[in-house]
């Protein structure tokens, strides 16, 4: 594949791009989202994207149970660039999107493609293009304490040495993406203004999940 371009300013980003509505899928700037593409309309979207800017907007439907062709969407998503892809023997695409910048839907476009396209406004999130934001301090000790409880309650294990050494942004964004929060909670994490705010929301969600799991354990014992 071609070397990934550097986006220094929102003017470097396309004015219009395809969107992939997918509930519970969270793409964040500099994060990575693997996707298994098999629906014909989205196979077409990948084909077209590979021939242009390779940029796709990930966005959640407002109602995760709405399986219509054009569900209502949240207004905020994140644009990502296809940074790896392969094609399977049965015609699927296995791709990885790398998050570039969040966007607000300015307008959904009338188009002939089987997939949806929007005009996106990146203005509110231009700071996403500044990698220096990745080095902001977070309350790491509090986050790790809550995470230990979260994993213990679910009898899950992790490589704690890697967790401790991970940069703050990588840690917060990875946990935000992989933890099974509901769509509204994922959206709150996406729309957080700063990394520190996202970390605070993440800690709150983990604590709420821990409290709920603890009550379930007590109920099962009684």
N, C-alpha and C. Protein backbone atom coordinates (compact mmCIF):
# COMPACT_ATOMS: atom_id res chain seq x y z
N UNK A 1 0.83 -1.19 0.00
CA UNK A 1 0.00 0.00 0.00
C UNK A 1 0.87 1.25 0.00
N UNK A 2 0.30 2.35 -0.42
CA UNK A 2 1.03 3.60 -0.41
C UNK A 2 1.27 4.07 1.02
N UNK A 3 2.34 4.85 1.19
CA UNK A 3 2.61 5.40 2.51
C UNK A 3 1.44 6.27 2.96
N UNK A 4 1.09 6.16 4.25
CA UNK A 4 -0.03 6.93 4.76
C UNK A 4 0.29 8.41 4.75
N UNK A 5 -0.61 9.24 4.23
CA UNK A 5 -0.34 10.67 4.20
C UNK A 5 -0.47 11.28 5.59
N UNK A 6 0.11 12.44 5.78
CA UNK A 6 -0.03 13.16 7.02
C UNK A 6 -1.06 14.26 6.82
N UNK A 7 -2.01 14.31 7.73
CA UNK A 7 -3.04 15.34 7.67
C UNK A 7 -2.67 16.40 8.70
N UNK A 8 -2.20 17.54 8.21
CA UNK A 8 -1.76 18.60 9.10
C UNK A 8 -2.87 19.58 9.44
N UNK A 9 -3.86 19.68 8.57
CA UNK A 9 -4.92 20.67 8.73
C UNK A 9 -6.21 20.07 8.19
N UNK A 10 -7.34 20.55 8.71
CA UNK A 10 -8.62 19.99 8.25
C UNK A 10 -8.84 20.23 6.75
N UNK A 11 -8.16 21.23 6.19
CA UNK A 11 -8.29 21.45 4.74
C UNK A 11 -7.68 20.31 3.94
N UNK A 12 -6.83 19.50 4.58
CA UNK A 12 -6.23 18.35 3.91
C UNK A 12 -7.21 17.19 3.77
N UNK A 13 -8.32 17.26 4.49
CA UNK A 13 -9.31 16.18 4.49
C UNK A 13 -10.37 16.43 3.42
N UNK A 14 -10.94 15.38 2.85
CA UNK A 14 -11.94 15.57 1.79
C UNK A 14 -13.22 16.19 2.32
N UNK A 15 -13.91 16.91 1.46
CA UNK A 15 -15.16 17.56 1.86
C UNK A 15 -16.30 16.56 1.94
N UNK A 16 -16.24 15.50 1.16
CA UNK A 16 -17.28 14.48 1.18
C UNK A 16 -16.62 13.11 1.24
N UNK A 17 -17.30 12.18 1.88
CA UNK A 17 -16.72 10.85 2.04
C UNK A 17 -17.84 9.86 2.39
N UNK A 18 -17.61 8.58 2.17
CA UNK A 18 -18.61 7.57 2.52
C UNK A 18 -18.65 7.35 4.02
N UNK A 19 -19.78 6.88 4.50
CA UNK A 19 -19.92 6.55 5.91
C UNK A 19 -20.34 5.09 6.07
N UNK A 20 -19.92 4.52 7.18
CA UNK A 20 -20.25 3.14 7.51
C UNK A 20 -20.96 3.16 8.86
N UNK A 21 -22.31 3.14 8.88
CA UNK A 21 -23.04 3.12 10.15
C UNK A 21 -22.91 1.75 10.81
N UNK A 22 -22.41 1.72 12.04
CA UNK A 22 -22.21 0.45 12.73
C UNK A 22 -22.29 0.68 14.23
N UNK A 23 -23.29 0.07 14.85
CA UNK A 23 -23.49 0.23 16.29
C UNK A 23 -22.36 -0.43 17.06
N UNK A 24 -21.99 0.19 18.17
CA UNK A 24 -20.98 -0.32 19.10
C UNK A 24 -19.55 -0.30 18.54
N UNK A 25 -19.37 0.21 17.35
CA UNK A 25 -18.02 0.31 16.78
C UNK A 25 -17.47 1.70 17.08
N UNK A 26 -16.34 1.75 17.76
CA UNK A 26 -15.77 3.03 18.17
C UNK A 26 -14.39 3.21 17.55
N UNK A 27 -14.28 4.19 16.67
CA UNK A 27 -13.00 4.58 16.09
C UNK A 27 -12.64 5.95 16.64
N UNK A 28 -11.40 6.08 17.13
CA UNK A 28 -10.92 7.32 17.70
C UNK A 28 -9.63 7.75 16.99
N UNK A 29 -9.31 9.03 17.02
CA UNK A 29 -8.09 9.49 16.34
C UNK A 29 -6.85 8.70 16.79
N UNK A 30 -6.11 8.21 15.81
CA UNK A 30 -4.91 7.40 15.99
C UNK A 30 -5.20 6.01 16.53
N UNK A 31 -6.48 5.69 16.70
CA UNK A 31 -6.86 4.34 17.08
C UNK A 31 -7.01 3.46 15.85
N UNK A 32 -7.18 2.17 16.08
CA UNK A 32 -7.29 1.21 14.98
C UNK A 32 -8.56 0.38 15.15
N UNK A 33 -9.27 0.20 14.05
CA UNK A 33 -10.52 -0.56 14.07
C UNK A 33 -10.49 -1.61 12.96
N UNK A 34 -10.39 -2.89 13.31
CA UNK A 34 -10.46 -3.95 12.30
C UNK A 34 -11.92 -4.21 11.92
N UNK A 35 -12.17 -4.42 10.64
CA UNK A 35 -13.52 -4.65 10.16
C UNK A 35 -13.54 -5.80 9.17
N UNK A 36 -14.61 -6.57 9.25
CA UNK A 36 -14.86 -7.67 8.32
C UNK A 36 -16.00 -7.22 7.40
N UNK A 37 -15.69 -6.93 6.17
CA UNK A 37 -16.67 -6.36 5.24
C UNK A 37 -17.22 -7.45 4.33
N UNK A 38 -18.55 -7.63 4.35
CA UNK A 38 -19.14 -8.69 3.53
C UNK A 38 -20.41 -8.26 2.80
N UNK A 39 -21.10 -7.21 3.29
CA UNK A 39 -22.30 -6.75 2.58
C UNK A 39 -21.91 -6.13 1.24
N UNK A 40 -22.67 -6.44 0.17
CA UNK A 40 -22.31 -5.92 -1.16
C UNK A 40 -22.13 -4.41 -1.22
N UNK A 41 -23.02 -3.65 -0.54
CA UNK A 41 -22.90 -2.18 -0.62
C UNK A 41 -21.62 -1.69 0.03
N UNK A 42 -21.16 -2.39 1.06
CA UNK A 42 -19.93 -1.94 1.72
C UNK A 42 -18.69 -2.50 1.04
N UNK A 43 -18.83 -3.61 0.35
CA UNK A 43 -17.74 -4.07 -0.52
C UNK A 43 -17.51 -3.03 -1.62
N UNK A 44 -18.61 -2.51 -2.16
CA UNK A 44 -18.52 -1.45 -3.17
C UNK A 44 -17.87 -0.20 -2.58
N UNK A 45 -18.23 0.13 -1.35
CA UNK A 45 -17.65 1.29 -0.68
C UNK A 45 -16.14 1.15 -0.54
N UNK A 46 -15.68 -0.04 -0.15
CA UNK A 46 -14.25 -0.25 0.01
C UNK A 46 -13.54 -0.16 -1.34
N UNK A 47 -14.13 -0.76 -2.36
CA UNK A 47 -13.55 -0.66 -3.70
C UNK A 47 -13.36 0.79 -4.11
N UNK A 48 -14.40 1.60 -3.90
CA UNK A 48 -14.33 3.01 -4.29
C UNK A 48 -13.33 3.78 -3.43
N UNK A 49 -13.32 3.48 -2.14
CA UNK A 49 -12.41 4.20 -1.24
C UNK A 49 -10.95 3.90 -1.56
N UNK A 50 -10.68 2.65 -1.93
CA UNK A 50 -9.30 2.28 -2.26
C UNK A 50 -8.80 3.01 -3.49
N UNK A 51 -9.72 3.44 -4.34
CA UNK A 51 -9.33 4.16 -5.55
C UNK A 51 -9.26 5.66 -5.36
N UNK A 52 -9.59 6.14 -4.15
CA UNK A 52 -9.57 7.60 -3.91
C UNK A 52 -8.74 7.89 -2.66
N UNK A 53 -9.34 8.58 -1.68
CA UNK A 53 -8.58 8.99 -0.49
C UNK A 53 -8.45 7.89 0.56
N UNK A 54 -9.16 6.78 0.35
CA UNK A 54 -9.16 5.67 1.31
C UNK A 54 -9.73 6.09 2.66
N UNK A 55 -10.57 7.09 2.66
CA UNK A 55 -11.14 7.62 3.90
C UNK A 55 -12.60 7.19 4.02
N UNK A 56 -12.97 6.71 5.21
CA UNK A 56 -14.33 6.26 5.50
C UNK A 56 -14.73 6.83 6.86
N UNK A 57 -15.96 7.31 6.97
CA UNK A 57 -16.47 7.83 8.23
C UNK A 57 -17.22 6.75 9.00
N UNK A 58 -16.74 6.43 10.19
CA UNK A 58 -17.46 5.49 11.06
C UNK A 58 -18.42 6.29 11.93
N UNK A 59 -19.66 5.81 12.00
CA UNK A 59 -20.68 6.52 12.76
C UNK A 59 -21.71 5.52 13.26
N UNK A 60 -22.33 5.81 14.38
CA UNK A 60 -23.30 4.88 14.96
C UNK A 60 -24.73 5.26 14.60
N UNK A 61 -25.59 4.27 14.36
CA UNK A 61 -27.03 4.54 14.27
C UNK A 61 -27.55 4.97 15.64
N UNK A 62 -28.54 5.83 15.66
CA UNK A 62 -29.13 6.25 16.93
C UNK A 62 -29.79 5.08 17.65
N UNK A 63 -30.43 4.21 16.88
CA UNK A 63 -31.10 3.04 17.43
C UNK A 63 -30.38 1.79 16.93
N UNK A 64 -29.65 1.09 17.79
CA UNK A 64 -28.90 -0.10 17.33
C UNK A 64 -29.80 -1.22 16.82
N UNK A 65 -31.10 -1.14 17.13
CA UNK A 65 -32.03 -2.18 16.67
C UNK A 65 -32.72 -1.81 15.36
N UNK A 66 -32.37 -0.66 14.82
CA UNK A 66 -32.94 -0.25 13.53
C UNK A 66 -32.07 -0.84 12.42
N UNK A 67 -32.59 -1.86 11.74
CA UNK A 67 -31.83 -2.55 10.71
C UNK A 67 -32.28 -2.14 9.30
N UNK A 68 -32.90 -0.99 9.20
CA UNK A 68 -33.33 -0.50 7.89
C UNK A 68 -32.11 -0.05 7.09
N UNK A 69 -32.32 0.23 5.80
CA UNK A 69 -31.22 0.64 4.94
C UNK A 69 -30.66 2.02 5.30
N UNK A 70 -31.52 2.87 5.88
CA UNK A 70 -31.08 4.23 6.22
C UNK A 70 -31.52 4.61 7.64
N UNK A 71 -30.91 3.99 8.63
CA UNK A 71 -31.28 4.35 10.01
C UNK A 71 -30.83 5.77 10.34
N UNK A 72 -31.53 6.41 11.26
CA UNK A 72 -31.11 7.71 11.76
C UNK A 72 -29.75 7.57 12.43
N UNK A 73 -28.90 8.60 12.27
CA UNK A 73 -27.53 8.51 12.75
C UNK A 73 -27.23 9.56 13.81
N UNK A 74 -26.28 9.24 14.68
CA UNK A 74 -25.71 10.29 15.50
C UNK A 74 -25.05 11.32 14.57
N UNK A 75 -24.88 12.51 15.05
CA UNK A 75 -24.31 13.55 14.18
C UNK A 75 -22.79 13.58 14.21
N UNK A 76 -22.18 12.89 15.18
CA UNK A 76 -20.72 12.90 15.32
C UNK A 76 -20.16 11.51 15.04
N UNK A 77 -19.13 11.46 14.19
CA UNK A 77 -18.43 10.22 13.91
C UNK A 77 -16.94 10.48 13.83
N UNK A 78 -16.20 9.51 13.33
CA UNK A 78 -14.75 9.67 13.19
C UNK A 78 -14.33 9.12 11.83
N UNK A 79 -13.58 9.92 11.10
CA UNK A 79 -13.08 9.50 9.80
C UNK A 79 -11.79 8.70 9.99
N UNK A 80 -11.70 7.61 9.27
CA UNK A 80 -10.51 6.77 9.34
C UNK A 80 -10.01 6.42 7.96
N UNK A 81 -8.73 6.16 7.86
CA UNK A 81 -8.13 5.79 6.58
C UNK A 81 -7.83 4.30 6.56
N UNK A 82 -8.11 3.66 5.45
CA UNK A 82 -7.79 2.24 5.29
C UNK A 82 -6.27 2.11 5.26
N UNK A 83 -5.71 1.49 6.28
CA UNK A 83 -4.26 1.35 6.36
C UNK A 83 -3.78 -0.08 6.14
N UNK A 84 -4.71 -1.01 6.10
CA UNK A 84 -4.37 -2.37 5.69
C UNK A 84 -5.64 -3.05 5.18
N UNK A 85 -5.49 -3.94 4.23
CA UNK A 85 -6.64 -4.69 3.74
C UNK A 85 -6.17 -5.97 3.08
N UNK A 86 -7.04 -6.94 3.10
CA UNK A 86 -6.82 -8.19 2.37
C UNK A 86 -8.17 -8.70 1.92
N UNK A 87 -8.18 -9.54 0.92
CA UNK A 87 -9.42 -10.11 0.38
C UNK A 87 -9.41 -11.61 0.61
N UNK A 88 -10.51 -12.13 1.14
CA UNK A 88 -10.62 -13.55 1.43
C UNK A 88 -11.08 -14.32 0.19
N UNK A 89 -10.96 -15.62 0.27
CA UNK A 89 -11.36 -16.47 -0.85
C UNK A 89 -12.85 -16.38 -1.14
N UNK A 90 -13.65 -16.04 -0.12
CA UNK A 90 -15.10 -15.95 -0.33
C UNK A 90 -15.55 -14.52 -0.62
N UNK A 91 -14.59 -13.62 -0.93
CA UNK A 91 -14.95 -12.30 -1.42
C UNK A 91 -15.13 -11.22 -0.37
N UNK A 92 -14.79 -11.52 0.88
CA UNK A 92 -14.87 -10.50 1.92
C UNK A 92 -13.60 -9.65 1.93
N UNK A 93 -13.71 -8.45 2.50
CA UNK A 93 -12.54 -7.62 2.77
C UNK A 93 -12.27 -7.63 4.27
N UNK A 94 -11.03 -7.83 4.64
CA UNK A 94 -10.59 -7.64 6.02
C UNK A 94 -9.74 -6.38 6.03
N UNK A 95 -10.24 -5.34 6.67
CA UNK A 95 -9.54 -4.06 6.62
C UNK A 95 -9.26 -3.56 8.03
N UNK A 96 -8.34 -2.63 8.12
CA UNK A 96 -8.10 -1.89 9.35
C UNK A 96 -8.19 -0.41 9.04
N UNK A 97 -9.00 0.29 9.81
CA UNK A 97 -9.09 1.74 9.71
C UNK A 97 -8.24 2.36 10.81
N UNK A 98 -7.48 3.38 10.46
CA UNK A 98 -6.76 4.17 11.45
C UNK A 98 -7.46 5.51 11.58
N UNK A 99 -7.85 5.84 12.80
CA UNK A 99 -8.61 7.07 13.02
C UNK A 99 -7.81 8.32 12.71
N UNK A 100 -8.43 9.25 12.01
CA UNK A 100 -7.78 10.50 11.61
C UNK A 100 -8.34 11.69 12.38
N UNK A 101 -9.66 11.90 12.26
CA UNK A 101 -10.25 13.09 12.87
C UNK A 101 -11.76 12.89 13.00
N UNK A 102 -12.32 13.34 14.11
CA UNK A 102 -13.76 13.28 14.27
C UNK A 102 -14.43 14.34 13.39
N UNK A 103 -15.68 14.11 13.08
CA UNK A 103 -16.42 15.03 12.22
C UNK A 103 -17.85 15.16 12.69
N UNK A 104 -18.47 16.22 12.26
CA UNK A 104 -19.91 16.44 12.44
C UNK A 104 -20.55 16.39 11.07
N UNK A 105 -21.65 15.66 10.96
CA UNK A 105 -22.34 15.61 9.68
C UNK A 105 -22.92 16.97 9.37
N UNK A 106 -22.46 17.56 8.28
CA UNK A 106 -23.02 18.84 7.83
C UNK A 106 -24.26 18.59 6.97
N UNK A 107 -24.17 17.55 6.14
CA UNK A 107 -25.29 17.23 5.24
C UNK A 107 -25.11 15.83 4.71
N UNK A 108 -26.20 15.06 4.67
CA UNK A 108 -26.13 13.78 3.97
C UNK A 108 -26.42 14.04 2.50
N UNK A 109 -25.63 13.45 1.64
CA UNK A 109 -25.68 13.75 0.21
C UNK A 109 -26.61 12.80 -0.53
N UNK A 110 -27.30 13.34 -1.53
CA UNK A 110 -28.04 12.50 -2.46
C UNK A 110 -27.03 11.93 -3.45
N UNK A 111 -26.95 10.63 -3.53
CA UNK A 111 -25.95 10.02 -4.41
C UNK A 111 -26.48 8.70 -4.96
N UNK A 112 -25.85 8.22 -6.00
CA UNK A 112 -26.28 7.00 -6.67
C UNK A 112 -25.59 5.75 -6.11
N UNK A 113 -24.61 5.95 -5.23
CA UNK A 113 -23.91 4.79 -4.69
C UNK A 113 -24.81 4.01 -3.74
N UNK A 114 -24.59 2.71 -3.59
CA UNK A 114 -25.42 1.92 -2.67
C UNK A 114 -25.15 2.24 -1.21
N UNK A 115 -24.04 2.87 -0.92
CA UNK A 115 -23.69 3.27 0.44
C UNK A 115 -23.94 4.77 0.60
N UNK A 116 -24.03 5.20 1.85
CA UNK A 116 -24.34 6.60 2.15
C UNK A 116 -23.07 7.45 2.15
N UNK A 117 -23.24 8.72 1.77
CA UNK A 117 -22.14 9.67 1.77
C UNK A 117 -22.59 10.96 2.45
N UNK A 118 -21.62 11.64 3.04
CA UNK A 118 -21.93 12.89 3.74
C UNK A 118 -20.91 13.96 3.38
N UNK A 119 -21.34 15.20 3.61
CA UNK A 119 -20.40 16.31 3.69
C UNK A 119 -20.11 16.49 5.17
N UNK A 120 -18.86 16.34 5.55
CA UNK A 120 -18.51 16.39 6.96
C UNK A 120 -17.79 17.68 7.33
N UNK A 121 -18.01 18.11 8.54
CA UNK A 121 -17.37 19.32 9.06
C UNK A 121 -16.40 18.89 10.17
N UNK A 122 -15.12 19.10 9.97
CA UNK A 122 -14.10 18.70 10.93
C UNK A 122 -13.70 19.84 11.88
N UNK A 123 -14.31 21.01 11.73
CA UNK A 123 -13.85 22.21 12.42
C UNK A 123 -13.78 22.04 13.94
N UNK A 124 -14.82 21.47 14.53
CA UNK A 124 -14.86 21.34 15.99
C UNK A 124 -13.76 20.43 16.52
N UNK A 125 -13.22 19.59 15.65
CA UNK A 125 -12.28 18.56 16.11
C UNK A 125 -10.91 18.67 15.46
N UNK A 126 -10.56 19.87 15.02
CA UNK A 126 -9.27 20.03 14.33
C UNK A 126 -8.08 19.69 15.23
N UNK A 127 -8.28 19.75 16.55
CA UNK A 127 -7.19 19.39 17.46
C UNK A 127 -6.86 17.90 17.38
N UNK A 128 -7.76 17.08 16.82
CA UNK A 128 -7.48 15.65 16.65
C UNK A 128 -6.25 15.43 15.77
N UNK A 129 -5.95 16.40 14.91
CA UNK A 129 -4.81 16.25 13.99
C UNK A 129 -3.49 16.58 14.66
N UNK A 130 -3.54 17.02 15.91
CA UNK A 130 -2.32 17.37 16.65
C UNK A 130 -1.92 16.20 17.54
N UNK A 131 -0.90 15.44 17.16
CA UNK A 131 -0.52 14.27 17.96
C UNK A 131 -0.01 14.62 19.34
N UNK A 132 0.32 15.88 19.60
CA UNK A 132 0.79 16.26 20.93
C UNK A 132 -0.27 16.04 21.99
N UNK A 133 -1.54 16.03 21.55
CA UNK A 133 -2.61 15.76 22.50
C UNK A 133 -2.56 14.36 23.06
N UNK A 134 -1.80 13.47 22.40
CA UNK A 134 -1.70 12.09 22.86
C UNK A 134 -0.87 11.97 24.13
N UNK A 135 -0.14 13.02 24.51
CA UNK A 135 0.78 12.92 25.64
C UNK A 135 0.26 13.62 26.89
N UNK A 136 -1.01 14.02 26.88
CA UNK A 136 -1.58 14.64 28.05
C UNK A 136 -1.66 13.64 29.20
N UNK A 137 -1.51 14.14 30.42
CA UNK A 137 -1.57 13.27 31.59
C UNK A 137 -3.01 12.84 31.86
N UNK A 138 -3.16 11.62 32.33
CA UNK A 138 -4.46 11.12 32.78
C UNK A 138 -4.27 10.54 34.18
N UNK A 139 -5.37 10.29 34.87
CA UNK A 139 -5.30 9.69 36.20
C UNK A 139 -5.08 8.19 36.03
N UNK A 140 -3.85 7.84 35.65
CA UNK A 140 -3.54 6.45 35.30
C UNK A 140 -3.76 5.50 36.48
N UNK A 141 -3.32 5.90 37.66
CA UNK A 141 -3.44 5.00 38.81
C UNK A 141 -4.90 4.66 39.11
N UNK A 142 -5.76 5.67 39.05
CA UNK A 142 -7.19 5.43 39.28
C UNK A 142 -7.75 4.52 38.20
N UNK A 143 -7.38 4.78 36.95
CA UNK A 143 -7.86 3.96 35.84
C UNK A 143 -7.42 2.51 36.01
N UNK A 144 -6.16 2.29 36.37
CA UNK A 144 -5.65 0.92 36.51
C UNK A 144 -6.32 0.20 37.68
N UNK A 145 -6.58 0.92 38.77
CA UNK A 145 -7.25 0.29 39.91
C UNK A 145 -8.65 -0.18 39.52
N UNK A 146 -9.37 0.67 38.80
CA UNK A 146 -10.73 0.31 38.39
C UNK A 146 -10.68 -0.82 37.36
N UNK A 147 -9.70 -0.78 36.48
CA UNK A 147 -9.57 -1.83 35.46
C UNK A 147 -9.28 -3.18 36.10
N UNK A 148 -8.45 -3.21 37.14
CA UNK A 148 -8.14 -4.48 37.82
C UNK A 148 -9.41 -5.11 38.38
N UNK A 149 -10.26 -4.29 38.98
CA UNK A 149 -11.52 -4.81 39.52
C UNK A 149 -12.41 -5.32 38.38
N UNK A 150 -12.47 -4.54 37.30
CA UNK A 150 -13.29 -4.90 36.13
C UNK A 150 -12.88 -6.28 35.60
N UNK A 151 -11.59 -6.49 35.44
CA UNK A 151 -11.10 -7.76 34.90
C UNK A 151 -11.29 -8.90 35.89
N UNK A 152 -11.07 -8.62 37.17
CA UNK A 152 -11.21 -9.65 38.19
C UNK A 152 -12.65 -10.15 38.29
N UNK A 153 -13.60 -9.23 38.23
CA UNK A 153 -15.02 -9.61 38.33
C UNK A 153 -15.43 -10.49 37.16
N UNK A 154 -14.73 -10.36 36.04
CA UNK A 154 -15.07 -11.13 34.84
C UNK A 154 -14.08 -12.26 34.58
N UNK A 155 -13.18 -12.47 35.54
CA UNK A 155 -12.17 -13.54 35.44
C UNK A 155 -11.39 -13.44 34.13
N UNK A 156 -10.99 -12.21 33.82
CA UNK A 156 -10.19 -11.95 32.62
C UNK A 156 -8.77 -11.60 33.02
N UNK A 157 -7.83 -11.89 32.14
CA UNK A 157 -6.43 -11.59 32.39
C UNK A 157 -5.90 -10.65 31.32
N UNK A 158 -4.83 -9.96 31.65
CA UNK A 158 -4.20 -9.07 30.67
C UNK A 158 -2.72 -9.00 30.95
N UNK A 159 -1.97 -8.45 30.00
CA UNK A 159 -0.54 -8.24 30.16
C UNK A 159 -0.34 -6.91 30.87
N UNK A 160 -0.21 -6.96 32.19
CA UNK A 160 -0.16 -5.72 32.97
C UNK A 160 1.07 -4.89 32.68
N UNK A 161 2.17 -5.54 32.31
CA UNK A 161 3.37 -4.78 32.00
C UNK A 161 3.14 -3.91 30.77
N UNK A 162 2.46 -4.47 29.77
CA UNK A 162 2.15 -3.70 28.56
C UNK A 162 1.16 -2.59 28.87
N UNK A 163 0.18 -2.88 29.73
CA UNK A 163 -0.81 -1.88 30.12
C UNK A 163 -0.12 -0.71 30.81
N UNK A 164 0.80 -1.00 31.73
CA UNK A 164 1.48 0.04 32.48
C UNK A 164 2.34 0.92 31.57
N UNK A 165 2.91 0.33 30.52
CA UNK A 165 3.83 1.06 29.66
C UNK A 165 3.12 1.78 28.51
N UNK A 166 1.86 1.48 28.28
CA UNK A 166 1.13 2.08 27.16
C UNK A 166 0.98 3.59 27.37
N UNK A 167 1.18 4.37 26.30
CA UNK A 167 0.92 5.82 26.41
C UNK A 167 -0.53 6.06 26.83
N UNK A 168 -0.76 7.20 27.47
CA UNK A 168 -2.09 7.49 28.00
C UNK A 168 -3.18 7.41 26.96
N UNK A 169 -2.96 8.02 25.79
CA UNK A 169 -3.98 8.02 24.75
C UNK A 169 -4.25 6.61 24.26
N UNK A 170 -3.20 5.84 24.06
CA UNK A 170 -3.36 4.46 23.59
C UNK A 170 -4.16 3.64 24.58
N UNK A 171 -3.85 3.80 25.86
CA UNK A 171 -4.55 3.04 26.90
C UNK A 171 -6.03 3.41 26.96
N UNK A 172 -6.31 4.70 27.03
CA UNK A 172 -7.70 5.15 27.15
C UNK A 172 -8.50 4.79 25.91
N UNK A 173 -7.94 5.04 24.74
CA UNK A 173 -8.70 4.79 23.51
C UNK A 173 -8.89 3.30 23.25
N UNK A 174 -7.88 2.50 23.58
CA UNK A 174 -8.02 1.05 23.39
C UNK A 174 -9.10 0.48 24.29
N UNK A 175 -9.10 0.88 25.55
CA UNK A 175 -10.12 0.40 26.48
C UNK A 175 -11.50 0.90 26.08
N UNK A 176 -11.57 2.14 25.63
CA UNK A 176 -12.86 2.69 25.19
C UNK A 176 -13.44 1.89 24.04
N UNK A 177 -12.55 1.43 23.15
CA UNK A 177 -13.01 0.70 21.96
C UNK A 177 -13.38 -0.74 22.26
N UNK A 178 -12.62 -1.41 23.14
CA UNK A 178 -12.82 -2.86 23.30
C UNK A 178 -13.80 -3.22 24.41
N UNK A 179 -14.00 -2.34 25.37
CA UNK A 179 -14.94 -2.68 26.45
C UNK A 179 -16.37 -2.67 25.91
N UNK A 180 -17.19 -3.62 26.35
CA UNK A 180 -18.54 -3.78 25.78
C UNK A 180 -19.56 -2.80 26.36
N UNK A 181 -19.30 -1.51 26.17
CA UNK A 181 -20.26 -0.51 26.60
C UNK A 181 -21.39 -0.43 25.58
N UNK A 182 -22.52 0.17 26.00
CA UNK A 182 -23.64 0.29 25.07
C UNK A 182 -23.39 1.47 24.11
N UNK A 183 -24.17 1.56 23.03
CA UNK A 183 -23.91 2.60 22.02
C UNK A 183 -23.89 4.02 22.56
N UNK A 184 -24.81 4.35 23.49
CA UNK A 184 -24.83 5.70 24.05
C UNK A 184 -23.54 5.99 24.81
N UNK A 185 -23.04 4.99 25.52
CA UNK A 185 -21.79 5.16 26.27
C UNK A 185 -20.61 5.30 25.33
N UNK A 186 -20.60 4.49 24.26
CA UNK A 186 -19.55 4.62 23.25
C UNK A 186 -19.56 6.02 22.64
N UNK A 187 -20.77 6.53 22.40
CA UNK A 187 -20.88 7.86 21.80
C UNK A 187 -20.35 8.93 22.74
N UNK A 188 -20.62 8.77 24.02
CA UNK A 188 -20.10 9.73 25.00
C UNK A 188 -18.58 9.73 25.01
N UNK A 189 -17.98 8.57 24.89
CA UNK A 189 -16.53 8.48 24.83
C UNK A 189 -15.99 9.14 23.56
N UNK A 190 -16.69 8.93 22.45
CA UNK A 190 -16.28 9.54 21.19
C UNK A 190 -16.33 11.06 21.26
N UNK A 191 -17.38 11.59 21.84
CA UNK A 191 -17.61 13.03 21.81
C UNK A 191 -16.88 13.79 22.92
N UNK A 192 -16.16 13.09 23.78
CA UNK A 192 -15.40 13.77 24.84
C UNK A 192 -14.48 14.81 24.24
N UNK A 193 -14.46 15.98 24.82
CA UNK A 193 -13.69 17.10 24.26
C UNK A 193 -12.19 16.87 24.32
N UNK A 194 -11.72 16.26 25.40
CA UNK A 194 -10.29 16.05 25.60
C UNK A 194 -10.02 14.62 26.02
N UNK A 195 -8.76 14.24 25.96
CA UNK A 195 -8.37 12.91 26.41
C UNK A 195 -8.64 12.74 27.90
N UNK A 196 -8.38 13.78 28.67
CA UNK A 196 -8.62 13.71 30.11
C UNK A 196 -10.11 13.50 30.39
N UNK A 197 -10.98 14.19 29.64
CA UNK A 197 -12.42 14.00 29.81
C UNK A 197 -12.82 12.59 29.41
N UNK A 198 -12.23 12.06 28.33
CA UNK A 198 -12.55 10.69 27.92
C UNK A 198 -12.12 9.70 29.00
N UNK A 199 -10.96 9.93 29.60
CA UNK A 199 -10.49 9.05 30.67
C UNK A 199 -11.45 9.09 31.86
N UNK A 200 -11.95 10.26 32.21
CA UNK A 200 -12.90 10.37 33.32
C UNK A 200 -14.19 9.63 33.02
N UNK A 201 -14.68 9.75 31.78
CA UNK A 201 -15.90 9.03 31.39
C UNK A 201 -15.64 7.52 31.43
N UNK A 202 -14.48 7.11 30.94
CA UNK A 202 -14.13 5.68 30.93
C UNK A 202 -14.09 5.13 32.35
N UNK A 203 -13.46 5.86 33.26
CA UNK A 203 -13.39 5.41 34.65
C UNK A 203 -14.79 5.28 35.24
N UNK A 204 -15.64 6.27 34.99
CA UNK A 204 -17.01 6.23 35.50
C UNK A 204 -17.77 5.02 34.96
N UNK A 205 -17.62 4.75 33.66
CA UNK A 205 -18.32 3.61 33.06
C UNK A 205 -17.81 2.28 33.63
N UNK A 206 -16.50 2.18 33.85
CA UNK A 206 -15.95 0.96 34.44
C UNK A 206 -16.44 0.79 35.88
N UNK A 207 -16.48 1.88 36.62
CA UNK A 207 -16.98 1.80 38.00
C UNK A 207 -18.44 1.39 38.04
N UNK A 208 -19.26 1.94 37.14
CA UNK A 208 -20.67 1.56 37.08
C UNK A 208 -20.81 0.08 36.73
N UNK A 209 -20.00 -0.38 35.78
CA UNK A 209 -20.04 -1.78 35.39
C UNK A 209 -19.60 -2.68 36.54
N UNK A 210 -18.58 -2.24 37.29
CA UNK A 210 -18.11 -3.02 38.43
C UNK A 210 -19.19 -3.12 39.50
N UNK A 211 -19.87 -2.01 39.76
CA UNK A 211 -20.92 -2.01 40.77
C UNK A 211 -22.06 -2.94 40.36
N UNK A 212 -22.42 -2.91 39.07
CA UNK A 212 -23.49 -3.77 38.58
C UNK A 212 -23.09 -5.23 38.67
N UNK A 213 -21.85 -5.54 38.29
CA UNK A 213 -21.38 -6.93 38.35
C UNK A 213 -21.31 -7.41 39.80
N UNK A 214 -20.92 -6.50 40.70
CA UNK A 214 -20.87 -6.87 42.11
C UNK A 214 -22.25 -7.19 42.67
N UNK A 215 -23.26 -6.41 42.27
CA UNK A 215 -24.63 -6.69 42.73
C UNK A 215 -25.12 -8.02 42.18
N UNK A 216 -24.76 -8.32 40.93
CA UNK A 216 -25.17 -9.58 40.32
C UNK A 216 -24.56 -10.76 41.07
N UNK A 217 -23.29 -10.61 41.49
CA UNK A 217 -22.62 -11.68 42.23
C UNK A 217 -23.30 -11.90 43.58
N UNK A 218 -23.69 -10.80 44.24
CA UNK A 218 -24.36 -10.93 45.54
C UNK A 218 -25.70 -11.61 45.39
N UNK A 219 -26.41 -11.29 44.31
CA UNK A 219 -27.73 -11.89 44.08
C UNK A 219 -27.60 -13.38 43.83
N UNK A 220 -26.55 -13.80 43.12
CA UNK A 220 -26.38 -15.21 42.79
C UNK A 220 -26.01 -16.03 44.03
N UNK A 221 -25.38 -15.37 45.02
CA UNK A 221 -24.99 -16.06 46.24
C UNK A 221 -26.17 -16.26 47.18
N UNK A 222 -27.09 -15.29 47.19
CA UNK A 222 -28.24 -15.33 48.11
C UNK A 222 -29.22 -16.44 47.73
